[in-house]
Amino acid sequence: MIWFTAFLGLVLMLAPFIMGYADNTVALWTSIIMGLIVLAVSIYKGVKHDKARWEYMVIAIVGLFAVFAPFILGFSTIGLAVWTLVVLGGILAYFAGFEGFFAKPQT
């Protein structure tokens, strides 16, 4: 599961260049910073192999922020940026939130 969130973090980082909204500075850096946070926390969780749940909670919170970031930070008129962040953020928030808050820890 954690490698899936790492992949989504990488996609979030590369999305401005793939989807073509790299010319908007706020949308560009929002995607890069949030993707970098998700990727770093996912790699840490994958390497550490501990039973802590905080990593998933951080990813879920970043995912929720990604959903609302276009409206909070003022780039809601860029359709591709909005839909990219809303979809990727929603997927991150759902899967990481479920894993962090509701799933039973593996023994």
C-alpha atoms as a PDB file:
ATOM      1  CA  MET A   1       0.000   0.000   0.000  1.00  0.00           C
ATOM      2  CA  ILE A   2       2.760   2.443   0.886  1.00  0.00           C
ATOM      3  CA  TRP A   3       4.402   2.015  -2.508  1.00  0.00           C
ATOM      4  CA  PHE A   4       1.090   2.940  -4.121  1.00  0.00           C
ATOM      5  CA  THR A   5       1.067   6.218  -2.204  1.00  0.00           C
ATOM      6  CA  ALA A   6       4.723   6.756  -3.169  1.00  0.00           C
ATOM      7  CA  PHE A   7       3.752   6.322  -6.827  1.00  0.00           C
ATOM      8  CA  LEU A   8       0.897   8.817  -6.408  1.00  0.00           C
ATOM      9  CA  GLY A   9       3.305  11.265  -4.776  1.00  0.00           C
ATOM     10  CA  LEU A  10       5.609  10.953  -7.780  1.00  0.00           C
ATOM     11  CA  VAL A  11       2.678  11.454 -10.151  1.00  0.00           C
ATOM     12  CA  LEU A  12       1.630  14.514  -8.150  1.00  0.00           C
ATOM     13  CA  MET A  13       5.140  15.944  -8.491  1.00  0.00           C
ATOM     14  CA  LEU A  14       5.233  15.356 -12.250  1.00  0.00           C
ATOM     15  CA  ALA A  15       1.607  16.326 -12.943  1.00  0.00           C
ATOM     16  CA  PRO A  16       2.254  20.009 -13.755  1.00  0.00           C
ATOM     17  CA  PHE A  17       4.627  19.005 -16.540  1.00  0.00           C
ATOM     18  CA  ILE A  18       2.495  16.125 -17.819  1.00  0.00           C
ATOM     19  CA  MET A  19      -0.846  17.942 -17.642  1.00  0.00           C
ATOM     20  CA  GLY A  20       0.508  21.285 -18.853  1.00  0.00           C
ATOM     21  CA  TYR A  21      -0.130  23.663 -15.977  1.00  0.00           C
ATOM     22  CA  ALA A  22       3.529  24.293 -15.125  1.00  0.00           C
ATOM     23  CA  ASP A  23       3.190  27.913 -16.262  1.00  0.00           C
ATOM     24  CA  ASN A  24       1.118  28.757 -13.159  1.00  0.00           C
ATOM     25  CA  THR A  25       3.652  29.140 -10.351  1.00  0.00           C
ATOM     26  CA  VAL A  26       1.257  28.513  -7.476  1.00  0.00           C
ATOM     27  CA  ALA A  27      -0.213  25.355  -9.022  1.00  0.00           C
ATOM     28  CA  LEU A  28       3.254  24.132  -9.989  1.00  0.00           C
ATOM     29  CA  TRP A  29       4.782  24.491  -6.535  1.00  0.00           C
ATOM     30  CA  THR A  30       1.676  23.226  -4.773  1.00  0.00           C
ATOM     31  CA  SER A  31       1.841  19.992  -6.767  1.00  0.00           C
ATOM     32  CA  ILE A  32       5.592  19.619  -6.372  1.00  0.00           C
ATOM     33  CA  ILE A  33       5.660  20.282  -2.615  1.00  0.00           C
ATOM     34  CA  MET A  34       2.680  18.070  -1.820  1.00  0.00           C
ATOM     35  CA  GLY A  35       4.003  15.308  -4.050  1.00  0.00           C
ATOM     36  CA  LEU A  36       7.418  15.558  -2.424  1.00  0.00           C
ATOM     37  CA  ILE A  37       5.898  15.285   1.058  1.00  0.00           C
ATOM     38  CA  VAL A  38       3.868  12.226   0.068  1.00  0.00           C
ATOM     39  CA  LEU A  39       6.844  10.609  -1.667  1.00  0.00           C
ATOM     40  CA  ALA A  40       9.228  11.266   1.241  1.00  0.00           C
ATOM     41  CA  VAL A  41       6.830   9.990   3.898  1.00  0.00           C
ATOM     42  CA  SER A  42       5.992   6.927   1.785  1.00  0.00           C
ATOM     43  CA  ILE A  43       9.640   6.063   1.241  1.00  0.00           C
ATOM     44  CA  TYR A  44      10.332   6.542   4.947  1.00  0.00           C
ATOM     45  CA  LYS A  45       7.456   4.205   5.826  1.00  0.00           C
ATOM     46  CA  GLY A  46       8.584   1.653   3.246  1.00  0.00           C
ATOM     47  CA  VAL A  47      12.161   1.603   4.508  1.00  0.00           C
ATOM     48  CA  LYS A  48      11.425   1.845   8.244  1.00  0.00           C
ATOM     49  CA  HIS A  49       8.959  -1.107   8.468  1.00  0.00           C
ATOM     50  CA  ASP A  50       7.581   0.033  11.807  1.00  0.00           C
ATOM     51  CA  LYS A  51       4.018  -0.364  13.043  1.00  0.00           C
ATOM     52  CA  ALA A  52       3.413   3.343  13.496  1.00  0.00           C
ATOM     53  CA  ARG A  53       0.402   4.838  11.723  1.00  0.00           C
ATOM     54  CA  TRP A  54       1.396   8.512  11.629  1.00  0.00           C
ATOM     55  CA  GLU A  55       2.802   8.241   8.108  1.00  0.00           C
ATOM     56  CA  TYR A  56      -0.584   7.323   6.687  1.00  0.00           C
ATOM     57  CA  MET A  57      -2.236  10.113   8.632  1.00  0.00           C
ATOM     58  CA  VAL A  58       0.215  12.669   7.220  1.00  0.00           C
ATOM     59  CA  ILE A  59      -0.449  11.412   3.685  1.00  0.00           C
ATOM     60  CA  ALA A  60      -4.217  11.565   4.261  1.00  0.00           C
ATOM     61  CA  ILE A  61      -3.983  15.162   5.500  1.00  0.00           C
ATOM     62  CA  VAL A  62      -1.836  16.157   2.512  1.00  0.00           C
ATOM     63  CA  GLY A  63      -4.406  14.459   0.261  1.00  0.00           C
ATOM     64  CA  LEU A  64      -7.220  16.464   1.834  1.00  0.00           C
ATOM     65  CA  PHE A  65      -5.249  19.656   1.427  1.00  0.00           C
ATOM     66  CA  ALA A  66      -4.669  18.768  -2.238  1.00  0.00           C
ATOM     67  CA  VAL A  67      -8.423  18.556  -2.751  1.00  0.00           C
ATOM     68  CA  PHE A  68      -8.997  22.047  -1.359  1.00  0.00           C
ATOM     69  CA  ALA A  69      -5.710  23.706  -2.408  1.00  0.00           C
ATOM     70  CA  PRO A  70      -6.921  25.071  -5.771  1.00  0.00           C
ATOM     71  CA  PHE A  71      -9.735  26.925  -4.044  1.00  0.00           C
ATOM     72  CA  ILE A  72      -7.703  28.075  -1.037  1.00  0.00           C
ATOM     73  CA  LEU A  73      -4.645  29.163  -3.026  1.00  0.00           C
ATOM     74  CA  GLY A  74      -6.583  30.780  -5.859  1.00  0.00           C
ATOM     75  CA  PHE A  75      -5.895  28.728  -8.972  1.00  0.00           C
ATOM     76  CA  SER A  76      -9.364  27.225  -9.308  1.00  0.00           C
ATOM     77  CA  THR A  77      -9.742  28.643 -12.829  1.00  0.00           C
ATOM     78  CA  ILE A  78      -7.123  26.236 -14.203  1.00  0.00           C
ATOM     79  CA  GLY A  79      -9.258  23.192 -14.917  1.00  0.00           C
ATOM     80  CA  LEU A  80      -6.480  20.652 -15.401  1.00  0.00           C
ATOM     81  CA  ALA A  81      -4.758  21.667 -12.169  1.00  0.00           C
ATOM     82  CA  VAL A  82      -8.015  21.533 -10.224  1.00  0.00           C
ATOM     83  CA  TRP A  83      -9.038  18.114 -11.487  1.00  0.00           C
ATOM     84  CA  THR A  84      -5.559  16.666 -11.123  1.00  0.00           C
ATOM     85  CA  LEU A  85      -5.228  17.796  -7.520  1.00  0.00           C
ATOM     86  CA  VAL A  86      -8.794  16.890  -6.598  1.00  0.00           C
ATOM     87  CA  VAL A  87      -8.570  13.384  -8.066  1.00  0.00           C
ATOM     88  CA  LEU A  88      -5.066  12.550  -6.809  1.00  0.00           C
ATOM     89  CA  GLY A  89      -5.734  14.178  -3.440  1.00  0.00           C
ATOM     90  CA  GLY A  90      -9.006  12.300  -3.080  1.00  0.00           C
ATOM     91  CA  ILE A  91      -7.353   8.977  -3.868  1.00  0.00           C
ATOM     92  CA  LEU A  92      -4.551   9.700  -1.409  1.00  0.00           C
ATOM     93  CA  ALA A  93      -6.946  10.819   1.318  1.00  0.00           C
ATOM     94  CA  TYR A  94      -9.170   7.772   0.843  1.00  0.00           C
ATOM     95  CA  PHE A  95      -6.537   5.046   0.792  1.00  0.00           C
ATOM     96  CA  ALA A  96      -4.095   6.537   3.296  1.00  0.00           C
ATOM     97  CA  GLY A  97      -6.918   7.718   5.539  1.00  0.00           C
ATOM     98  CA  PHE A  98      -8.460   4.275   5.617  1.00  0.00           C
ATOM     99  CA  GLU A  99      -5.105   2.657   6.292  1.00  0.00           C
ATOM    100  CA  GLY A 100      -4.129   5.200   8.950  1.00  0.00           C
ATOM    101  CA  PHE A 101      -7.371   5.595  10.826  1.00  0.00           C
ATOM    102  CA  PHE A 102      -9.459   2.442  10.311  1.00  0.00           C
ATOM    103  CA  ALA A 103      -7.358  -0.551   9.255  1.00  0.00           C
ATOM    104  CA  LYS A 104      -6.063  -2.889  11.914  1.00  0.00           C
ATOM    105  CA  PRO A 105      -2.277  -2.894  12.269  1.00  0.00           C
ATOM    106  CA  GLN A 106      -0.606  -5.999  10.892  1.00  0.00           C
ATOM    107  CA  THR A 107       1.177  -8.150  13.418  1.00  0.00           C
END
